[in-house]
mmCIF file of all heavy atoms, coordinates in Angstrom:
data_MODEL
# 
_entry.id   MODEL 
# 
loop_
_atom_site.group_PDB 
_atom_site.id 
_atom_site.type_symbol 
_atom_site.label_atom_id 
_atom_site.label_alt_id 
_atom_site.label_comp_id 
_atom_site.label_asym_id 
_atom_site.label_entity_id 
_atom_site.label_seq_id 
_atom_site.pdbx_PDB_ins_code 
_atom_site.Cartn_x 
_atom_site.Cartn_y 
_atom_site.Cartn_z 
_atom_site.occupancy 
_atom_site.B_iso_or_equiv 
_atom_site.pdbx_formal_charge 
_atom_site.auth_seq_id 
_atom_site.auth_comp_id 
_atom_site.auth_asym_id 
_atom_site.auth_atom_id 
_atom_site.pdbx_PDB_model_num 
ATOM 1   N N   . CYS A 1 1  ? 55.899 -15.367 24.073 1.00 0.00 ? 1  CYS A N   1 
ATOM 2   C CA  . CYS A 1 1  ? 56.551 -14.499 25.055 1.00 0.00 ? 1  CYS A CA  1 
ATOM 3   C C   . CYS A 1 1  ? 56.062 -13.039 24.867 1.00 0.00 ? 1  CYS A C   1 
ATOM 4   O O   . CYS A 1 1  ? 55.814 -12.547 23.739 1.00 0.00 ? 1  CYS A O   1 
ATOM 5   C CB  . CYS A 1 1  ? 58.062 -14.585 24.892 1.00 0.00 ? 1  CYS A CB  1 
ATOM 6   S SG  . CYS A 1 1  ? 58.755 -13.863 23.401 1.00 0.00 ? 1  CYS A SG  1 
ATOM 7   N N   . ALA A 1 2  ? 55.977 -12.306 25.959 1.00 0.00 ? 2  ALA A N   1 
ATOM 8   C CA  . ALA A 1 2  ? 55.497 -10.961 25.976 1.00 0.00 ? 2  ALA A CA  1 
ATOM 9   C C   . ALA A 1 2  ? 56.437 -9.960  26.625 1.00 0.00 ? 2  ALA A C   1 
ATOM 10  O O   . ALA A 1 2  ? 56.067 -8.864  26.974 1.00 0.00 ? 2  ALA A O   1 
ATOM 11  C CB  . ALA A 1 2  ? 54.147 -10.928 26.610 1.00 0.00 ? 2  ALA A CB  1 
ATOM 12  N N   . HIS A 1 3  ? 57.704 -10.386 26.796 1.00 0.00 ? 3  HIS A N   1 
ATOM 13  C CA  . HIS A 1 3  ? 58.669 -9.546  27.456 1.00 0.00 ? 3  HIS A CA  1 
ATOM 14  C C   . HIS A 1 3  ? 59.931 -9.279  26.586 1.00 0.00 ? 3  HIS A C   1 
ATOM 15  O O   . HIS A 1 3  ? 60.152 -10.053 25.679 1.00 0.00 ? 3  HIS A O   1 
ATOM 16  C CB  . HIS A 1 3  ? 59.146 -10.264 28.753 1.00 0.00 ? 3  HIS A CB  1 
ATOM 17  C CG  . HIS A 1 3  ? 59.891 -11.579 28.525 1.00 0.00 ? 3  HIS A CG  1 
ATOM 18  N ND1 . HIS A 1 3  ? 59.242 -12.774 28.227 1.00 0.00 ? 3  HIS A ND1 1 
ATOM 19  C CD2 . HIS A 1 3  ? 61.229 -11.828 28.446 1.00 0.00 ? 3  HIS A CD2 1 
ATOM 20  C CE1 . HIS A 1 3  ? 60.152 -13.742 28.057 1.00 0.00 ? 3  HIS A CE1 1 
ATOM 21  N NE2 . HIS A 1 3  ? 61.370 -13.193 28.171 1.00 0.00 ? 3  HIS A NE2 1 
ATOM 22  N N   . TYR A 1 4  ? 60.628 -8.239  26.893 1.00 0.00 ? 4  TYR A N   1 
ATOM 23  C CA  . TYR A 1 4  ? 61.847 -7.960  26.245 1.00 0.00 ? 4  TYR A CA  1 
ATOM 24  C C   . TYR A 1 4  ? 62.968 -8.676  26.943 1.00 0.00 ? 4  TYR A C   1 
ATOM 25  O O   . TYR A 1 4  ? 63.159 -8.537  28.152 1.00 0.00 ? 4  TYR A O   1 
ATOM 26  C CB  . TYR A 1 4  ? 62.155 -6.457  26.232 1.00 0.00 ? 4  TYR A CB  1 
ATOM 27  C CG  . TYR A 1 4  ? 61.324 -5.664  25.215 1.00 0.00 ? 4  TYR A CG  1 
ATOM 28  C CD1 . TYR A 1 4  ? 60.067 -5.184  25.539 1.00 0.00 ? 4  TYR A CD1 1 
ATOM 29  C CD2 . TYR A 1 4  ? 61.821 -5.412  23.951 1.00 0.00 ? 4  TYR A CD2 1 
ATOM 30  C CE1 . TYR A 1 4  ? 59.342 -4.494  24.660 1.00 0.00 ? 4  TYR A CE1 1 
ATOM 31  C CE2 . TYR A 1 4  ? 61.093 -4.694  23.015 1.00 0.00 ? 4  TYR A CE2 1 
ATOM 32  C CZ  . TYR A 1 4  ? 59.814 -4.257  23.384 1.00 0.00 ? 4  TYR A CZ  1 
ATOM 33  O OH  . TYR A 1 4  ? 59.066 -3.533  22.397 1.00 0.00 ? 4  TYR A OH  1 
ATOM 34  N N   . GLY A 1 5  ? 63.737 -9.504  26.177 1.00 0.00 ? 5  GLY A N   1 
ATOM 35  C CA  . GLY A 1 5  ? 64.855 -10.177 26.716 1.00 0.00 ? 5  GLY A CA  1 
ATOM 36  C C   . GLY A 1 5  ? 66.032 -9.877  25.755 1.00 0.00 ? 5  GLY A C   1 
ATOM 37  O O   . GLY A 1 5  ? 66.350 -8.708  25.462 1.00 0.00 ? 5  GLY A O   1 
ATOM 38  N N   . LEU A 1 6  ? 66.719 -10.972 25.244 1.00 0.00 ? 6  LEU A N   1 
ATOM 39  C CA  . LEU A 1 6  ? 67.728 -10.738 24.256 1.00 0.00 ? 6  LEU A CA  1 
ATOM 40  C C   . LEU A 1 6  ? 67.122 -10.344 22.903 1.00 0.00 ? 6  LEU A C   1 
ATOM 41  O O   . LEU A 1 6  ? 67.830 -9.762  22.072 1.00 0.00 ? 6  LEU A O   1 
ATOM 42  C CB  . LEU A 1 6  ? 68.565 -11.983 24.092 1.00 0.00 ? 6  LEU A CB  1 
ATOM 43  C CG  . LEU A 1 6  ? 69.372 -12.424 25.293 1.00 0.00 ? 6  LEU A CG  1 
ATOM 44  C CD1 . LEU A 1 6  ? 70.082 -13.756 25.065 1.00 0.00 ? 6  LEU A CD1 1 
ATOM 45  C CD2 . LEU A 1 6  ? 70.407 -11.401 25.719 1.00 0.00 ? 6  LEU A CD2 1 
ATOM 46  N N   . THR A 1 7  ? 65.807 -10.616 22.767 1.00 0.00 ? 7  THR A N   1 
ATOM 47  C CA  . THR A 1 7  ? 65.086 -10.298 21.538 1.00 0.00 ? 7  THR A CA  1 
ATOM 48  C C   . THR A 1 7  ? 63.755 -9.633  21.951 1.00 0.00 ? 7  THR A C   1 
ATOM 49  O O   . THR A 1 7  ? 63.297 -9.816  23.090 1.00 0.00 ? 7  THR A O   1 
ATOM 50  C CB  . THR A 1 7  ? 64.804 -11.508 20.676 1.00 0.00 ? 7  THR A CB  1 
ATOM 51  O OG1 . THR A 1 7  ? 64.118 -12.498 21.458 1.00 0.00 ? 7  THR A OG1 1 
ATOM 52  C CG2 . THR A 1 7  ? 66.090 -12.098 20.137 1.00 0.00 ? 7  THR A CG2 1 
ATOM 53  N N   . PRO A 1 8  ? 63.130 -8.877  21.059 1.00 0.00 ? 8  PRO A N   1 
ATOM 54  C CA  . PRO A 1 8  ? 61.811 -8.242  21.356 1.00 0.00 ? 8  PRO A CA  1 
ATOM 55  C C   . PRO A 1 8  ? 60.749 -9.421  21.565 1.00 0.00 ? 8  PRO A C   1 
ATOM 56  O O   . PRO A 1 8  ? 60.975 -10.539 21.084 1.00 0.00 ? 8  PRO A O   1 
ATOM 57  C CB  . PRO A 1 8  ? 61.520 -7.445  20.138 1.00 0.00 ? 8  PRO A CB  1 
ATOM 58  C CG  . PRO A 1 8  ? 62.823 -7.172  19.459 1.00 0.00 ? 8  PRO A CG  1 
ATOM 59  C CD  . PRO A 1 8  ? 63.631 -8.445  19.715 1.00 0.00 ? 8  PRO A CD  1 
ATOM 60  N N   . PRO A 1 9  ? 59.601 -9.095  22.183 1.00 0.00 ? 9  PRO A N   1 
ATOM 61  C CA  . PRO A 1 9  ? 58.620 -10.103 22.430 1.00 0.00 ? 9  PRO A CA  1 
ATOM 62  C C   . PRO A 1 9  ? 57.935 -10.549 21.167 1.00 0.00 ? 9  PRO A C   1 
ATOM 63  O O   . PRO A 1 9  ? 57.713 -9.774  20.257 1.00 0.00 ? 9  PRO A O   1 
ATOM 64  C CB  . PRO A 1 9  ? 57.633 -9.413  23.395 1.00 0.00 ? 9  PRO A CB  1 
ATOM 65  C CG  . PRO A 1 9  ? 57.851 -7.963  23.213 1.00 0.00 ? 9  PRO A CG  1 
ATOM 66  C CD  . PRO A 1 9  ? 59.285 -7.802  22.862 1.00 0.00 ? 9  PRO A CD  1 
ATOM 67  N N   . CYS A 1 10 ? 57.600 -11.863 21.156 1.00 0.00 ? 10 CYS A N   1 
ATOM 68  C CA  . CYS A 1 10 ? 56.915 -12.433 19.955 1.00 0.00 ? 10 CYS A CA  1 
ATOM 69  C C   . CYS A 1 10 ? 55.557 -11.804 19.759 1.00 0.00 ? 10 CYS A C   1 
ATOM 70  O O   . CYS A 1 10 ? 55.031 -11.684 18.643 1.00 0.00 ? 10 CYS A O   1 
ATOM 71  C CB  . CYS A 1 10 ? 56.800 -13.903 20.112 1.00 0.00 ? 10 CYS A CB  1 
ATOM 72  S SG  . CYS A 1 10 ? 58.391 -14.830 19.922 1.00 0.00 ? 10 CYS A SG  1 
ATOM 73  N N   . THR A 1 11 ? 54.916 -11.380 20.877 1.00 0.00 ? 11 THR A N   1 
ATOM 74  C CA  . THR A 1 11 ? 53.572 -10.764 20.758 1.00 0.00 ? 11 THR A CA  1 
ATOM 75  C C   . THR A 1 11 ? 53.632 -9.507  19.918 1.00 0.00 ? 11 THR A C   1 
ATOM 76  O O   . THR A 1 11 ? 52.711 -9.263  19.126 1.00 0.00 ? 11 THR A O   1 
ATOM 77  C CB  . THR A 1 11 ? 53.049 -10.463 22.161 1.00 0.00 ? 11 THR A CB  1 
ATOM 78  O OG1 . THR A 1 11 ? 54.016 -9.727  22.889 1.00 0.00 ? 11 THR A OG1 1 
ATOM 79  C CG2 . THR A 1 11 ? 52.598 -11.701 22.885 1.00 0.00 ? 11 THR A CG2 1 
ATOM 80  N N   . ASN A 1 12 ? 54.671 -8.745  19.967 1.00 0.00 ? 12 ASN A N   1 
ATOM 81  C CA  . ASN A 1 12 ? 54.820 -7.548  19.090 1.00 0.00 ? 12 ASN A CA  1 
ATOM 82  C C   . ASN A 1 12 ? 54.862 -7.900  17.641 1.00 0.00 ? 12 ASN A C   1 
ATOM 83  O O   . ASN A 1 12 ? 54.254 -7.283  16.750 1.00 0.00 ? 12 ASN A O   1 
ATOM 84  C CB  . ASN A 1 12 ? 56.058 -6.729  19.433 1.00 0.00 ? 12 ASN A CB  1 
ATOM 85  C CG  . ASN A 1 12 ? 55.956 -6.049  20.791 1.00 0.00 ? 12 ASN A CG  1 
ATOM 86  O OD1 . ASN A 1 12 ? 54.992 -6.279  21.575 1.00 0.00 ? 12 ASN A OD1 1 
ATOM 87  N ND2 . ASN A 1 12 ? 56.882 -5.159  21.063 1.00 0.00 ? 12 ASN A ND2 1 
ATOM 88  N N   . PHE A 1 13 ? 55.648 -8.932  17.330 1.00 0.00 ? 13 PHE A N   1 
ATOM 89  C CA  . PHE A 1 13 ? 55.758 -9.385  15.906 1.00 0.00 ? 13 PHE A CA  1 
ATOM 90  C C   . PHE A 1 13 ? 54.476 -9.946  15.386 1.00 0.00 ? 13 PHE A C   1 
ATOM 91  O O   . PHE A 1 13 ? 54.091 -9.734  14.269 1.00 0.00 ? 13 PHE A O   1 
ATOM 92  C CB  . PHE A 1 13 ? 56.896 -10.438 15.807 1.00 0.00 ? 13 PHE A CB  1 
ATOM 93  C CG  . PHE A 1 13 ? 57.505 -10.545 14.495 1.00 0.00 ? 13 PHE A CG  1 
ATOM 94  C CD1 . PHE A 1 13 ? 57.676 -9.435  13.676 1.00 0.00 ? 13 PHE A CD1 1 
ATOM 95  C CD2 . PHE A 1 13 ? 57.993 -11.778 14.046 1.00 0.00 ? 13 PHE A CD2 1 
ATOM 96  C CE1 . PHE A 1 13 ? 58.254 -9.542  12.358 1.00 0.00 ? 13 PHE A CE1 1 
ATOM 97  C CE2 . PHE A 1 13 ? 58.635 -11.907 12.832 1.00 0.00 ? 13 PHE A CE2 1 
ATOM 98  C CZ  . PHE A 1 13 ? 58.718 -10.774 11.968 1.00 0.00 ? 13 PHE A CZ  1 
ATOM 99  N N   . ILE A 1 14 ? 53.720 -10.670 16.251 1.00 0.00 ? 14 ILE A N   1 
ATOM 100 C CA  . ILE A 1 14 ? 52.440 -11.250 15.878 1.00 0.00 ? 14 ILE A CA  1 
ATOM 101 C C   . ILE A 1 14 ? 51.489 -10.103 15.512 1.00 0.00 ? 14 ILE A C   1 
ATOM 102 O O   . ILE A 1 14 ? 50.736 -10.180 14.510 1.00 0.00 ? 14 ILE A O   1 
ATOM 103 C CB  . ILE A 1 14 ? 51.904 -12.133 17.023 1.00 0.00 ? 14 ILE A CB  1 
ATOM 104 C CG1 . ILE A 1 14 ? 52.739 -13.401 17.156 1.00 0.00 ? 14 ILE A CG1 1 
ATOM 105 C CG2 . ILE A 1 14 ? 50.438 -12.446 16.769 1.00 0.00 ? 14 ILE A CG2 1 
ATOM 106 C CD1 . ILE A 1 14 ? 52.468 -14.185 18.424 1.00 0.00 ? 14 ILE A CD1 1 
ATOM 107 N N   . LYS A 1 15 ? 51.429 -9.052  16.363 1.00 0.00 ? 15 LYS A N   1 
ATOM 108 C CA  . LYS A 1 15 ? 50.513 -7.920  15.998 1.00 0.00 ? 15 LYS A CA  1 
ATOM 109 C C   . LYS A 1 15 ? 50.941 -7.222  14.743 1.00 0.00 ? 15 LYS A C   1 
ATOM 110 O O   . LYS A 1 15 ? 50.085 -6.891  13.924 1.00 0.00 ? 15 LYS A O   1 
ATOM 111 C CB  . LYS A 1 15 ? 50.612 -6.914  17.229 1.00 0.00 ? 15 LYS A CB  1 
ATOM 112 C CG  . LYS A 1 15 ? 49.837 -7.378  18.410 1.00 0.00 ? 15 LYS A CG  1 
ATOM 113 C CD  . LYS A 1 15 ? 49.911 -6.295  19.559 1.00 0.00 ? 15 LYS A CD  1 
ATOM 114 C CE  . LYS A 1 15 ? 49.172 -5.033  19.189 1.00 0.00 ? 15 LYS A CE  1 
ATOM 115 N NZ  . LYS A 1 15 ? 49.175 -4.044  20.305 1.00 0.00 ? 15 LYS A NZ  1 
ATOM 116 N N   . LYS A 1 16 ? 52.263 -7.018  14.553 1.00 0.00 ? 16 LYS A N   1 
ATOM 117 C CA  . LYS A 1 16 ? 52.732 -6.313  13.399 1.00 0.00 ? 16 LYS A CA  1 
ATOM 118 C C   . LYS A 1 16 ? 52.342 -7.063  12.155 1.00 0.00 ? 16 LYS A C   1 
ATOM 119 O O   . LYS A 1 16 ? 52.071 -6.407  11.077 1.00 0.00 ? 16 LYS A O   1 
ATOM 120 C CB  . LYS A 1 16 ? 54.262 -6.186  13.506 1.00 0.00 ? 16 LYS A CB  1 
ATOM 121 C CG  . LYS A 1 16 ? 54.918 -5.440  12.335 1.00 0.00 ? 16 LYS A CG  1 
ATOM 122 C CD  . LYS A 1 16 ? 56.398 -5.356  12.544 1.00 0.00 ? 16 LYS A CD  1 
ATOM 123 C CE  . LYS A 1 16 ? 57.091 -4.714  11.311 1.00 0.00 ? 16 LYS A CE  1 
ATOM 124 N NZ  . LYS A 1 16 ? 58.570 -4.625  11.507 1.00 0.00 ? 16 LYS A NZ  1 
ATOM 125 N N   . LYS A 1 17 ? 52.364 -8.373  12.154 1.00 0.00 ? 17 LYS A N   1 
ATOM 126 C CA  . LYS A 1 17 ? 52.102 -9.158  10.948 1.00 0.00 ? 17 LYS A CA  1 
ATOM 127 C C   . LYS A 1 17 ? 50.582 -9.354  10.643 1.00 0.00 ? 17 LYS A C   1 
ATOM 128 O O   . LYS A 1 17 ? 50.237 -9.947  9.678  1.00 0.00 ? 17 LYS A O   1 
ATOM 129 C CB  . LYS A 1 17 ? 52.749 -10.540 11.082 1.00 0.00 ? 17 LYS A CB  1 
ATOM 130 C CG  . LYS A 1 17 ? 54.275 -10.472 10.992 1.00 0.00 ? 17 LYS A CG  1 
ATOM 131 C CD  . LYS A 1 17 ? 54.746 -10.190 9.511  1.00 0.00 ? 17 LYS A CD  1 
ATOM 132 C CE  . LYS A 1 17 ? 56.265 -10.298 9.392  1.00 0.00 ? 17 LYS A CE  1 
ATOM 133 N NZ  . LYS A 1 17 ? 56.706 -10.219 7.996  1.00 0.00 ? 17 LYS A NZ  1 
ATOM 134 N N   . GLY A 1 18 ? 49.798 -8.863  11.609 1.00 0.00 ? 18 GLY A N   1 
ATOM 135 C CA  . GLY A 1 18 ? 48.308 -8.882  11.349 1.00 0.00 ? 18 GLY A CA  1 
ATOM 136 C C   . GLY A 1 18 ? 47.634 -10.203 11.516 1.00 0.00 ? 18 GLY A C   1 
ATOM 137 O O   . GLY A 1 18 ? 46.629 -10.531 10.913 1.00 0.00 ? 18 GLY A O   1 
ATOM 138 N N   . ILE A 1 19 ? 48.197 -11.035 12.450 1.00 0.00 ? 19 ILE A N   1 
ATOM 139 C CA  . ILE A 1 19 ? 47.575 -12.356 12.743 1.00 0.00 ? 19 ILE A CA  1 
ATOM 140 C C   . ILE A 1 19 ? 46.222 -12.130 13.386 1.00 0.00 ? 19 ILE A C   1 
ATOM 141 O O   . ILE A 1 19 ? 46.068 -11.318 14.344 1.00 0.00 ? 19 ILE A O   1 
ATOM 142 C CB  . ILE A 1 19 ? 48.408 -13.159 13.695 1.00 0.00 ? 19 ILE A CB  1 
ATOM 143 C CG1 . ILE A 1 19 ? 49.763 -13.524 12.981 1.00 0.00 ? 19 ILE A CG1 1 
ATOM 144 C CG2 . ILE A 1 19 ? 47.718 -14.425 14.169 1.00 0.00 ? 19 ILE A CG2 1 
ATOM 145 C CD1 . ILE A 1 19 ? 49.586 -14.470 11.815 1.00 0.00 ? 19 ILE A CD1 1 
ATOM 146 N N   . LYS A 1 20 ? 45.168 -12.743 12.868 1.00 0.00 ? 20 LYS A N   1 
ATOM 147 C CA  . LYS A 1 20 ? 43.791 -12.536 13.376 1.00 0.00 ? 20 LYS A CA  1 
ATOM 148 C C   . LYS A 1 20 ? 43.541 -13.239 14.713 1.00 0.00 ? 20 LYS A C   1 
ATOM 149 O O   . LYS A 1 20 ? 42.852 -12.641 15.540 1.00 0.00 ? 20 LYS A O   1 
ATOM 150 C CB  . LYS A 1 20 ? 42.865 -13.064 12.295 1.00 0.00 ? 20 LYS A CB  1 
ATOM 151 C CG  . LYS A 1 20 ? 41.316 -12.899 12.664 1.00 0.00 ? 20 LYS A CG  1 
ATOM 152 C CD  . LYS A 1 20 ? 40.438 -13.391 11.578 1.00 0.00 ? 20 LYS A CD  1 
ATOM 153 C CE  . LYS A 1 20 ? 40.442 -14.900 11.518 1.00 0.00 ? 20 LYS A CE  1 
ATOM 154 N NZ  . LYS A 1 20 ? 39.403 -15.367 10.494 1.00 0.00 ? 20 LYS A NZ  1 
ATOM 155 N N   . LYS A 1 21 ? 44.069 -14.462 14.840 1.00 0.00 ? 21 LYS A N   1 
ATOM 156 C CA  . LYS A 1 21 ? 43.808 -15.207 16.088 1.00 0.00 ? 21 LYS A CA  1 
ATOM 157 C C   . LYS A 1 21 ? 45.008 -16.091 16.443 1.00 0.00 ? 21 LYS A C   1 
ATOM 158 O O   . LYS A 1 21 ? 45.561 -16.703 15.477 1.00 0.00 ? 21 LYS A O   1 
ATOM 159 C CB  . LYS A 1 21 ? 42.562 -16.037 15.927 1.00 0.00 ? 21 LYS A CB  1 
ATOM 160 C CG  . LYS A 1 21 ? 42.003 -16.632 17.183 1.00 0.00 ? 21 LYS A CG  1 
ATOM 161 C CD  . LYS A 1 21 ? 41.177 -15.641 18.007 1.00 0.00 ? 21 LYS A CD  1 
ATOM 162 C CE  . LYS A 1 21 ? 40.489 -16.279 19.212 1.00 0.00 ? 21 LYS A CE  1 
ATOM 163 N NZ  . LYS A 1 21 ? 39.676 -15.354 19.946 1.00 0.00 ? 21 LYS A NZ  1 
ATOM 164 N N   . VAL A 1 22 ? 45.364 -16.124 17.678 1.00 0.00 ? 22 VAL A N   1 
ATOM 165 C CA  . VAL A 1 22 ? 46.390 -17.031 18.172 1.00 0.00 ? 22 VAL A CA  1 
ATOM 166 C C   . VAL A 1 22 ? 45.816 -18.068 19.101 1.00 0.00 ? 22 VAL A C   1 
ATOM 167 O O   . VAL A 1 22 ? 45.158 -17.710 20.084 1.00 0.00 ? 22 VAL A O   1 
ATOM 168 C CB  . VAL A 1 22 ? 47.491 -16.242 18.912 1.00 0.00 ? 22 VAL A CB  1 
ATOM 169 C CG1 . VAL A 1 22 ? 48.540 -17.194 19.442 1.00 0.00 ? 22 VAL A CG1 1 
ATOM 170 C CG2 . VAL A 1 22 ? 48.159 -15.210 17.974 1.00 0.00 ? 22 VAL A CG2 1 
ATOM 171 N N   . TYR A 1 23 ? 46.027 -19.340 18.833 1.00 0.00 ? 23 TYR A N   1 
ATOM 172 C CA  . TYR A 1 23 ? 45.586 -20.454 19.706 1.00 0.00 ? 23 TYR A CA  1 
ATOM 173 C C   . TYR A 1 23 ? 46.836 -21.057 20.258 1.00 0.00 ? 23 TYR A C   1 
ATOM 174 O O   . TYR A 1 23 ? 47.759 -21.461 19.544 1.00 0.00 ? 23 TYR A O   1 
ATOM 175 C CB  . TYR A 1 23 ? 44.838 -21.478 18.834 1.00 0.00 ? 23 TYR A CB  1 
ATOM 176 C CG  . TYR A 1 23 ? 43.563 -20.953 18.208 1.00 0.00 ? 23 TYR A CG  1 
ATOM 177 C CD1 . TYR A 1 23 ? 43.526 -20.607 16.883 1.00 0.00 ? 23 TYR A CD1 1 
ATOM 178 C CD2 . TYR A 1 23 ? 42.379 -20.828 18.998 1.00 0.00 ? 23 TYR A CD2 1 
ATOM 179 C CE1 . TYR A 1 23 ? 42.386 -20.119 16.271 1.00 0.00 ? 23 TYR A CE1 1 
ATOM 180 C CE2 . TYR A 1 23 ? 41.231 -20.320 18.380 1.00 0.00 ? 23 TYR A CE2 1 
ATOM 181 C CZ  . TYR A 1 23 ? 41.251 -19.976 17.015 1.00 0.00 ? 23 TYR A CZ  1 
ATOM 182 O OH  . TYR A 1 23 ? 40.075 -19.518 16.445 1.00 0.00 ? 23 TYR A OH  1 
ATOM 183 N N   . TYR A 1 24 ? 46.894 -21.168 21.592 1.00 0.00 ? 24 TYR A N   1 
ATOM 184 C CA  . TYR A 1 24 ? 48.048 -21.819 22.230 1.00 0.00 ? 24 TYR A CA  1 
ATOM 185 C C   . TYR A 1 24 ? 47.578 -22.838 23.228 1.00 0.00 ? 24 TYR A C   1 
ATOM 186 O O   . TYR A 1 24 ? 46.431 -22.781 23.726 1.00 0.00 ? 24 TYR A O   1 
ATOM 187 C CB  . TYR A 1 24 ? 48.931 -20.702 22.900 1.00 0.00 ? 24 TYR A CB  1 
ATOM 188 C CG  . TYR A 1 24 ? 48.377 -20.156 24.185 1.00 0.00 ? 24 TYR A CG  1 
ATOM 189 C CD1 . TYR A 1 24 ? 48.783 -20.628 25.438 1.00 0.00 ? 24 TYR A CD1 1 
ATOM 190 C CD2 . TYR A 1 24 ? 47.453 -19.094 24.127 1.00 0.00 ? 24 TYR A CD2 1 
ATOM 191 C CE1 . TYR A 1 24 ? 48.259 -20.152 26.571 1.00 0.00 ? 24 TYR A CE1 1 
ATOM 192 C CE2 . TYR A 1 24 ? 46.949 -18.599 25.305 1.00 0.00 ? 24 TYR A CE2 1 
ATOM 193 C CZ  . TYR A 1 24 ? 47.391 -19.038 26.521 1.00 0.00 ? 24 TYR A CZ  1 
ATOM 194 O OH  . TYR A 1 24 ? 46.863 -18.570 27.722 1.00 0.00 ? 24 TYR A OH  1 
# 
């Protein structure tokens, strides 16, 4: 998810944690 709802977007947390690559 990339939108603000009841919680912040998961994309923000992924960037913050330094994930190199996301495969979906």
